[in-house]
Amino acid sequence: MTTGAPRPRPAVVTAAVVLWLALFAFQLVSSSVQIARSVSADGPWMVLPGLVGLAFLAWFVFGAFRVGRGSGRARFWMAVLGALTVIGGFAPPYGLHTLIAVLAGVAAALPYLPAARGFFPPRVPRAAGAQAPRVVGWDPETGEPIRASD
């Protein structure tokens, strides 16, 4: 039974959100520098791909905030993002890129620790809808399904 009171956020969830936001801030600065370099080297049309990348970055910032509010779906999708980042982080060149990938993996794993499980409510099972009558054939003139009647 719930009382409707807000659940306290576990420290591991707060740490994950802060780590995600720090990584995204670094990515924002890095992307901005890269956009400026691309525009100066290749022309102004290179702003568009950079803006698309920044839009994706904004979407993931939104996901990090949703994890902080207790969204189980956001937790899942941020874990997928972290796993993809870890996989991509171990491709050459190594160094700062690999460090960022490891930190993203840590940020993705923190909300799945046992201390954070109670913060993310379980999904409510869907109620089964009414079963539609079985289709036994198709009307040759209209193409409508002919359903079995009880």
N, C-alpha and C. Protein backbone atom coordinates (compact mmCIF):
# COMPACT_ATOMS: atom_id res chain seq x y z
N MET A 1 0.84 -1.17 0.00
CA MET A 1 0.00 0.00 0.00
C MET A 1 0.89 1.23 0.00
N THR A 2 0.61 2.16 -0.87
CA THR A 2 1.41 3.37 -0.93
C THR A 2 0.69 4.51 -0.24
N THR A 3 1.45 5.40 0.31
CA THR A 3 0.87 6.54 1.01
C THR A 3 0.81 7.77 0.11
N GLY A 4 1.40 7.70 -1.05
CA GLY A 4 1.42 8.83 -1.96
C GLY A 4 2.57 9.78 -1.70
N ALA A 5 3.32 9.52 -0.64
CA ALA A 5 4.48 10.36 -0.34
C ALA A 5 5.59 10.06 -1.33
N PRO A 6 6.36 11.07 -1.71
CA PRO A 6 7.45 10.81 -2.65
C PRO A 6 8.51 9.90 -2.02
N ARG A 7 9.04 9.02 -2.85
CA ARG A 7 10.08 8.11 -2.38
C ARG A 7 11.40 8.86 -2.33
N PRO A 8 12.19 8.62 -1.31
CA PRO A 8 13.51 9.26 -1.29
C PRO A 8 14.40 8.62 -2.36
N ARG A 9 15.16 9.47 -3.04
CA ARG A 9 16.03 8.97 -4.10
C ARG A 9 17.30 8.39 -3.48
N PRO A 10 17.65 7.15 -3.84
CA PRO A 10 18.88 6.56 -3.31
C PRO A 10 20.11 7.29 -3.83
N ALA A 11 21.17 7.23 -3.06
CA ALA A 11 22.42 7.92 -3.42
C ALA A 11 23.01 7.38 -4.72
N VAL A 12 22.83 6.08 -4.99
CA VAL A 12 23.40 5.52 -6.22
C VAL A 12 22.69 6.07 -7.45
N VAL A 13 21.39 6.34 -7.34
CA VAL A 13 20.66 6.93 -8.46
C VAL A 13 21.12 8.37 -8.68
N THR A 14 21.28 9.10 -7.59
CA THR A 14 21.79 10.48 -7.70
C THR A 14 23.18 10.49 -8.32
N ALA A 15 24.03 9.55 -7.90
CA ALA A 15 25.38 9.47 -8.47
C ALA A 15 25.32 9.15 -9.97
N ALA A 16 24.42 8.27 -10.37
CA ALA A 16 24.30 7.93 -11.79
C ALA A 16 23.84 9.13 -12.59
N VAL A 17 22.85 9.87 -12.08
CA VAL A 17 22.36 11.04 -12.81
C VAL A 17 23.45 12.10 -12.92
N VAL A 18 24.17 12.35 -11.84
CA VAL A 18 25.24 13.35 -11.87
C VAL A 18 26.34 12.91 -12.84
N LEU A 19 26.67 11.63 -12.84
CA LEU A 19 27.69 11.13 -13.76
C LEU A 19 27.23 11.27 -15.21
N TRP A 20 25.97 10.92 -15.50
CA TRP A 20 25.44 11.10 -16.85
C TRP A 20 25.51 12.57 -17.27
N LEU A 21 25.07 13.46 -16.38
CA LEU A 21 25.05 14.88 -16.73
C LEU A 21 26.46 15.42 -16.92
N ALA A 22 27.42 14.96 -16.13
CA ALA A 22 28.81 15.39 -16.32
C ALA A 22 29.34 14.89 -17.67
N LEU A 23 29.02 13.65 -18.01
CA LEU A 23 29.46 13.13 -19.31
C LEU A 23 28.81 13.89 -20.46
N PHE A 24 27.53 14.23 -20.30
CA PHE A 24 26.85 14.98 -21.35
C PHE A 24 27.38 16.40 -21.46
N ALA A 25 27.77 17.01 -20.36
CA ALA A 25 28.35 18.35 -20.41
C ALA A 25 29.70 18.31 -21.14
N PHE A 26 30.49 17.29 -20.86
CA PHE A 26 31.76 17.14 -21.58
C PHE A 26 31.49 16.92 -23.07
N GLN A 27 30.48 16.10 -23.38
CA GLN A 27 30.14 15.85 -24.79
C GLN A 27 29.64 17.12 -25.48
N LEU A 28 28.91 17.95 -24.76
CA LEU A 28 28.42 19.22 -25.31
C LEU A 28 29.58 20.12 -25.70
N VAL A 29 30.56 20.25 -24.80
CA VAL A 29 31.73 21.09 -25.09
C VAL A 29 32.52 20.50 -26.26
N SER A 30 32.72 19.19 -26.22
CA SER A 30 33.47 18.53 -27.28
C SER A 30 32.77 18.67 -28.64
N SER A 31 31.45 18.50 -28.65
CA SER A 31 30.69 18.63 -29.90
C SER A 31 30.71 20.06 -30.42
N SER A 32 30.62 21.02 -29.52
CA SER A 32 30.64 22.42 -29.94
C SER A 32 31.97 22.78 -30.60
N VAL A 33 33.06 22.30 -30.02
CA VAL A 33 34.38 22.55 -30.61
C VAL A 33 34.47 21.86 -31.97
N GLN A 34 33.96 20.62 -32.06
CA GLN A 34 34.02 19.90 -33.32
C GLN A 34 33.16 20.58 -34.40
N ILE A 35 32.00 21.11 -34.01
CA ILE A 35 31.15 21.81 -34.97
C ILE A 35 31.87 23.05 -35.48
N ALA A 36 32.50 23.79 -34.59
CA ALA A 36 33.23 25.00 -35.01
C ALA A 36 34.36 24.64 -35.96
N ARG A 37 35.08 23.56 -35.69
CA ARG A 37 36.16 23.13 -36.59
C ARG A 37 35.61 22.71 -37.95
N SER A 38 34.49 21.98 -37.94
CA SER A 38 33.90 21.51 -39.20
C SER A 38 33.40 22.68 -40.04
N VAL A 39 32.79 23.66 -39.39
CA VAL A 39 32.28 24.82 -40.13
C VAL A 39 33.42 25.61 -40.75
N SER A 40 34.51 25.78 -40.00
CA SER A 40 35.63 26.55 -40.54
C SER A 40 36.35 25.79 -41.65
N ALA A 41 36.36 24.47 -41.58
CA ALA A 41 37.07 23.69 -42.59
C ALA A 41 36.19 23.35 -43.80
N ASP A 42 34.92 23.02 -43.58
CA ASP A 42 34.09 22.51 -44.66
C ASP A 42 32.94 23.41 -45.06
N GLY A 43 32.70 24.47 -44.35
CA GLY A 43 31.63 25.38 -44.72
C GLY A 43 30.45 25.31 -43.76
N PRO A 44 29.52 26.25 -43.94
CA PRO A 44 28.42 26.37 -42.99
C PRO A 44 27.40 25.22 -43.03
N TRP A 45 27.38 24.44 -44.08
CA TRP A 45 26.43 23.34 -44.16
C TRP A 45 26.75 22.23 -43.15
N MET A 46 27.92 22.27 -42.54
CA MET A 46 28.29 21.27 -41.55
C MET A 46 27.67 21.53 -40.18
N VAL A 47 26.91 22.63 -40.05
CA VAL A 47 26.24 22.92 -38.79
C VAL A 47 25.09 21.93 -38.58
N LEU A 48 24.41 21.55 -39.65
CA LEU A 48 23.24 20.69 -39.53
C LEU A 48 23.53 19.34 -38.86
N PRO A 49 24.55 18.59 -39.28
CA PRO A 49 24.83 17.33 -38.57
C PRO A 49 25.18 17.56 -37.10
N GLY A 50 25.86 18.64 -36.82
CA GLY A 50 26.19 18.94 -35.42
C GLY A 50 24.95 19.25 -34.60
N LEU A 51 24.00 19.95 -35.20
CA LEU A 51 22.76 20.24 -34.48
C LEU A 51 21.92 18.99 -34.26
N VAL A 52 21.95 18.07 -35.20
CA VAL A 52 21.25 16.79 -35.02
C VAL A 52 21.89 16.03 -33.86
N GLY A 53 23.21 16.03 -33.80
CA GLY A 53 23.91 15.38 -32.69
C GLY A 53 23.57 16.03 -31.35
N LEU A 54 23.48 17.35 -31.33
CA LEU A 54 23.12 18.04 -30.09
C LEU A 54 21.67 17.76 -29.70
N ALA A 55 20.80 17.55 -30.68
CA ALA A 55 19.42 17.19 -30.37
C ALA A 55 19.36 15.81 -29.72
N PHE A 56 20.15 14.86 -30.23
CA PHE A 56 20.23 13.55 -29.59
C PHE A 56 20.78 13.67 -28.17
N LEU A 57 21.76 14.51 -28.01
CA LEU A 57 22.34 14.74 -26.68
C LEU A 57 21.28 15.30 -25.73
N ALA A 58 20.46 16.22 -26.20
CA ALA A 58 19.39 16.78 -25.37
C ALA A 58 18.39 15.69 -24.99
N TRP A 59 18.10 14.77 -25.90
CA TRP A 59 17.19 13.69 -25.61
C TRP A 59 17.73 12.80 -24.49
N PHE A 60 19.04 12.53 -24.51
CA PHE A 60 19.63 11.70 -23.46
C PHE A 60 19.73 12.46 -22.13
N VAL A 61 19.91 13.76 -22.17
CA VAL A 61 19.86 14.56 -20.93
C VAL A 61 18.46 14.42 -20.32
N PHE A 62 17.44 14.50 -21.15
CA PHE A 62 16.07 14.29 -20.69
C PHE A 62 15.93 12.90 -20.05
N GLY A 63 16.53 11.89 -20.68
CA GLY A 63 16.49 10.54 -20.12
C GLY A 63 17.18 10.45 -18.77
N ALA A 64 18.29 11.15 -18.61
CA ALA A 64 18.99 11.14 -17.32
C ALA A 64 18.12 11.77 -16.24
N PHE A 65 17.44 12.86 -16.56
CA PHE A 65 16.55 13.48 -15.59
C PHE A 65 15.38 12.55 -15.25
N ARG A 66 14.89 11.82 -16.25
CA ARG A 66 13.80 10.88 -15.99
C ARG A 66 14.27 9.73 -15.09
N VAL A 67 15.50 9.28 -15.24
CA VAL A 67 16.05 8.27 -14.34
C VAL A 67 16.05 8.82 -12.92
N GLY A 68 16.42 10.07 -12.77
CA GLY A 68 16.43 10.69 -11.45
C GLY A 68 15.06 10.81 -10.83
N ARG A 69 14.02 10.80 -11.66
CA ARG A 69 12.65 10.88 -11.14
C ARG A 69 12.03 9.50 -10.93
N GLY A 70 12.75 8.43 -11.29
CA GLY A 70 12.26 7.09 -11.00
C GLY A 70 11.62 6.36 -12.16
N SER A 71 11.89 6.76 -13.39
CA SER A 71 11.30 6.11 -14.55
C SER A 71 12.07 4.83 -14.89
N GLY A 72 11.37 3.71 -14.86
CA GLY A 72 11.99 2.43 -15.19
C GLY A 72 12.35 2.32 -16.66
N ARG A 73 11.51 2.88 -17.53
CA ARG A 73 11.83 2.85 -18.96
C ARG A 73 13.05 3.68 -19.28
N ALA A 74 13.16 4.85 -18.65
CA ALA A 74 14.36 5.68 -18.86
C ALA A 74 15.59 4.96 -18.35
N ARG A 75 15.45 4.26 -17.23
CA ARG A 75 16.58 3.49 -16.69
C ARG A 75 17.03 2.45 -17.70
N PHE A 76 16.07 1.76 -18.33
CA PHE A 76 16.41 0.75 -19.33
C PHE A 76 17.12 1.38 -20.53
N TRP A 77 16.56 2.47 -21.09
CA TRP A 77 17.15 3.06 -22.28
C TRP A 77 18.49 3.71 -21.99
N MET A 78 18.68 4.24 -20.80
CA MET A 78 20.00 4.78 -20.45
C MET A 78 21.00 3.64 -20.29
N ALA A 79 20.54 2.48 -19.83
CA ALA A 79 21.43 1.31 -19.75
C ALA A 79 21.82 0.84 -21.15
N VAL A 80 20.88 0.89 -22.08
CA VAL A 80 21.20 0.53 -23.47
C VAL A 80 22.24 1.51 -24.03
N LEU A 81 22.03 2.81 -23.77
CA LEU A 81 23.00 3.81 -24.22
C LEU A 81 24.37 3.55 -23.60
N GLY A 82 24.40 3.24 -22.31
CA GLY A 82 25.67 2.95 -21.64
C GLY A 82 26.35 1.73 -22.22
N ALA A 83 25.57 0.68 -22.51
CA ALA A 83 26.15 -0.53 -23.08
C ALA A 83 26.73 -0.27 -24.48
N LEU A 84 26.01 0.49 -25.29
CA LEU A 84 26.54 0.82 -26.62
C LEU A 84 27.79 1.69 -26.52
N THR A 85 27.81 2.58 -25.55
CA THR A 85 28.99 3.42 -25.36
C THR A 85 30.19 2.59 -24.93
N VAL A 86 29.95 1.63 -24.05
CA VAL A 86 31.05 0.76 -23.61
C VAL A 86 31.58 -0.05 -24.78
N ILE A 87 30.68 -0.59 -25.60
CA ILE A 87 31.12 -1.37 -26.76
C ILE A 87 31.94 -0.50 -27.71
N GLY A 88 31.45 0.71 -27.98
CA GLY A 88 32.18 1.61 -28.88
C GLY A 88 33.44 2.19 -28.27
N GLY A 89 33.52 2.21 -26.96
CA GLY A 89 34.68 2.81 -26.29
C GLY A 89 35.94 1.98 -26.35
N PHE A 90 35.80 0.71 -26.69
CA PHE A 90 36.99 -0.13 -26.73
C PHE A 90 37.51 -0.33 -28.15
N ALA A 91 37.13 0.59 -29.03
CA ALA A 91 37.70 0.62 -30.38
C ALA A 91 38.79 1.69 -30.38
N PRO A 92 39.85 1.46 -31.12
CA PRO A 92 40.93 2.46 -31.14
C PRO A 92 40.43 3.79 -31.66
N PRO A 93 40.92 4.90 -31.29
CA PRO A 93 42.06 5.14 -30.39
C PRO A 93 41.62 5.06 -28.93
N TYR A 94 42.50 4.53 -28.12
CA TYR A 94 42.23 4.41 -26.70
C TYR A 94 42.63 5.70 -26.00
N GLY A 95 42.22 5.84 -24.77
CA GLY A 95 42.58 7.03 -24.01
C GLY A 95 41.33 7.63 -23.38
N LEU A 96 41.13 8.92 -23.63
CA LEU A 96 40.00 9.62 -23.04
C LEU A 96 38.68 9.03 -23.52
N HIS A 97 38.63 8.60 -24.76
CA HIS A 97 37.42 7.98 -25.31
C HIS A 97 37.05 6.72 -24.51
N THR A 98 38.03 5.92 -24.17
CA THR A 98 37.79 4.70 -23.40
C THR A 98 37.38 5.03 -21.97
N LEU A 99 37.99 6.04 -21.38
CA LEU A 99 37.62 6.46 -20.03
C LEU A 99 36.17 6.92 -19.97
N ILE A 100 35.74 7.68 -20.96
CA ILE A 100 34.35 8.14 -21.02
C ILE A 100 33.42 6.93 -21.18
N ALA A 101 33.81 5.96 -21.96
CA ALA A 101 32.98 4.76 -22.14
C ALA A 101 32.85 3.98 -20.84
N VAL A 102 33.93 3.86 -20.10
CA VAL A 102 33.87 3.15 -18.81
C VAL A 102 32.98 3.90 -17.84
N LEU A 103 33.10 5.22 -17.79
CA LEU A 103 32.25 6.01 -16.89
C LEU A 103 30.77 5.91 -17.30
N ALA A 104 30.49 5.86 -18.59
CA ALA A 104 29.11 5.68 -19.04
C ALA A 104 28.59 4.31 -18.63
N GLY A 105 29.44 3.30 -18.68
CA GLY A 105 29.03 1.97 -18.23
C GLY A 105 28.73 1.95 -16.73
N VAL A 106 29.53 2.66 -15.96
CA VAL A 106 29.28 2.76 -14.52
C VAL A 106 27.96 3.48 -14.27
N ALA A 107 27.74 4.59 -14.99
CA ALA A 107 26.49 5.34 -14.83
C ALA A 107 25.29 4.50 -15.23
N ALA A 108 25.45 3.63 -16.22
CA ALA A 108 24.35 2.78 -16.65
C ALA A 108 24.08 1.66 -15.65
N ALA A 109 25.11 1.20 -14.95
CA ALA A 109 24.94 0.07 -14.02
C ALA A 109 24.45 0.51 -12.64
N LEU A 110 24.76 1.73 -12.24
CA LEU A 110 24.39 2.17 -10.89
C LEU A 110 22.89 2.06 -10.58
N PRO A 111 21.98 2.44 -11.48
CA PRO A 111 20.56 2.31 -11.15
C PRO A 111 20.07 0.87 -11.01
N TYR A 112 20.88 -0.10 -11.40
CA TYR A 112 20.49 -1.50 -11.28
C TYR A 112 21.04 -2.16 -10.02
N LEU A 113 21.75 -1.42 -9.19
CA LEU A 113 22.24 -1.98 -7.93
C LEU A 113 21.05 -2.24 -7.01
N PRO A 114 21.19 -3.21 -6.10
CA PRO A 114 20.07 -3.53 -5.21
C PRO A 114 19.56 -2.34 -4.39
N ALA A 115 20.42 -1.42 -4.04
CA ALA A 115 19.99 -0.27 -3.25
C ALA A 115 19.02 0.63 -4.02
N ALA A 116 19.03 0.57 -5.33
CA ALA A 116 18.19 1.45 -6.15
C ALA A 116 16.92 0.76 -6.63
N ARG A 117 16.80 -0.54 -6.45
CA ARG A 117 15.66 -1.26 -7.01
C ARG A 117 14.31 -0.76 -6.52
N GLY A 118 14.20 -0.43 -5.26
CA GLY A 118 12.93 0.01 -4.72
C GLY A 118 12.49 1.37 -5.22
N PHE A 119 13.42 2.15 -5.76
CA PHE A 119 13.10 3.49 -6.26
C PHE A 119 12.35 3.43 -7.58
N PHE A 120 12.56 2.37 -8.33
CA PHE A 120 11.92 2.22 -9.64
C PHE A 120 10.75 1.25 -9.49
N PRO A 121 9.52 1.76 -9.62
CA PRO A 121 8.36 0.89 -9.40
C PRO A 121 8.25 -0.17 -10.50
N PRO A 122 7.70 -1.34 -10.16
CA PRO A 122 7.51 -2.36 -11.20
C PRO A 122 6.43 -1.92 -12.18
N ARG A 123 6.53 -2.45 -13.38
CA ARG A 123 5.53 -2.13 -14.40
C ARG A 123 4.20 -2.72 -14.02
N VAL A 124 3.16 -1.98 -14.27
CA VAL A 124 1.81 -2.46 -14.00
C VAL A 124 1.42 -3.38 -15.15
N PRO A 125 0.99 -4.61 -14.84
CA PRO A 125 0.61 -5.51 -15.94
C PRO A 125 -0.63 -4.99 -16.66
N ARG A 126 -0.64 -5.17 -17.95
CA ARG A 126 -1.79 -4.74 -18.75
C ARG A 126 -2.95 -5.70 -18.56
N ALA A 127 -4.12 -5.13 -18.55
CA ALA A 127 -5.32 -5.96 -18.46
C ALA A 127 -5.59 -6.57 -19.83
N ALA A 128 -5.97 -7.83 -19.82
CA ALA A 128 -6.25 -8.51 -21.08
C ALA A 128 -7.54 -7.94 -21.67
N GLY A 129 -7.50 -7.61 -22.94
CA GLY A 129 -8.69 -7.11 -23.63
C GLY A 129 -9.61 -8.24 -24.02
N ALA A 130 -10.77 -7.88 -24.51
CA ALA A 130 -11.72 -8.89 -24.96
C ALA A 130 -11.18 -9.59 -26.20
N GLN A 131 -11.32 -10.88 -26.22
CA GLN A 131 -10.83 -11.67 -27.34
C GLN A 131 -11.73 -11.42 -28.55
N ALA A 132 -11.15 -11.06 -29.68
CA ALA A 132 -11.92 -10.84 -30.91
C ALA A 132 -12.32 -12.20 -31.49
N PRO A 133 -13.49 -12.26 -32.08
CA PRO A 133 -13.91 -13.53 -32.70
C PRO A 133 -12.92 -13.95 -33.80
N ARG A 134 -12.79 -15.24 -33.95
CA ARG A 134 -11.85 -15.81 -34.90
C ARG A 134 -12.30 -15.52 -36.33
N VAL A 135 -11.36 -15.18 -37.22
CA VAL A 135 -11.65 -14.95 -38.64
C VAL A 135 -11.70 -16.31 -39.33
N VAL A 136 -12.84 -16.58 -39.99
CA VAL A 136 -12.99 -17.87 -40.67
C VAL A 136 -12.88 -17.74 -42.17
N GLY A 137 -12.91 -16.53 -42.68
CA GLY A 137 -12.78 -16.35 -44.12
C GLY A 137 -12.87 -14.87 -44.46
N TRP A 138 -12.84 -14.60 -45.78
CA TRP A 138 -12.88 -13.23 -46.26
C TRP A 138 -14.00 -13.10 -47.29
N ASP A 139 -14.74 -12.02 -47.22
CA ASP A 139 -15.82 -11.76 -48.19
C ASP A 139 -15.18 -11.45 -49.54
N PRO A 140 -15.49 -12.21 -50.59
CA PRO A 140 -14.83 -12.00 -51.88
C PRO A 140 -15.19 -10.67 -52.54
N GLU A 141 -16.33 -10.09 -52.20
CA GLU A 141 -16.73 -8.84 -52.84
C GLU A 141 -16.15 -7.61 -52.16
N THR A 142 -16.14 -7.62 -50.83
CA THR A 142 -15.69 -6.42 -50.10
C THR A 142 -14.32 -6.57 -49.50
N GLY A 143 -13.88 -7.82 -49.32
CA GLY A 143 -12.59 -8.04 -48.69
C GLY A 143 -12.64 -7.98 -47.18
N GLU A 144 -13.83 -7.84 -46.61
CA GLU A 144 -14.00 -7.78 -45.16
C GLU A 144 -13.82 -9.17 -44.57
N PRO A 145 -13.30 -9.24 -43.34
CA PRO A 145 -13.18 -10.56 -42.70
C PRO A 145 -14.54 -11.08 -42.26
N ILE A 146 -14.70 -12.38 -42.38
CA ILE A 146 -15.91 -13.05 -41.87
C ILE A 146 -15.50 -13.71 -40.57
N ARG A 147 -16.13 -13.30 -39.49
CA ARG A 147 -15.74 -13.79 -38.17
C ARG A 147 -16.72 -14.87 -37.71
N ALA A 148 -16.20 -15.79 -36.91
CA ALA A 148 -17.01 -16.87 -36.36
C ALA A 148 -17.95 -16.26 -35.32
N SER A 149 -19.21 -16.63 -35.38
CA SER A 149 -20.16 -16.14 -34.39
C SER A 149 -20.48 -17.25 -33.42
N ASP A 150 -20.66 -16.86 -32.18
CA ASP A 150 -20.96 -17.87 -31.15
C ASP A 150 -22.43 -18.07 -30.99
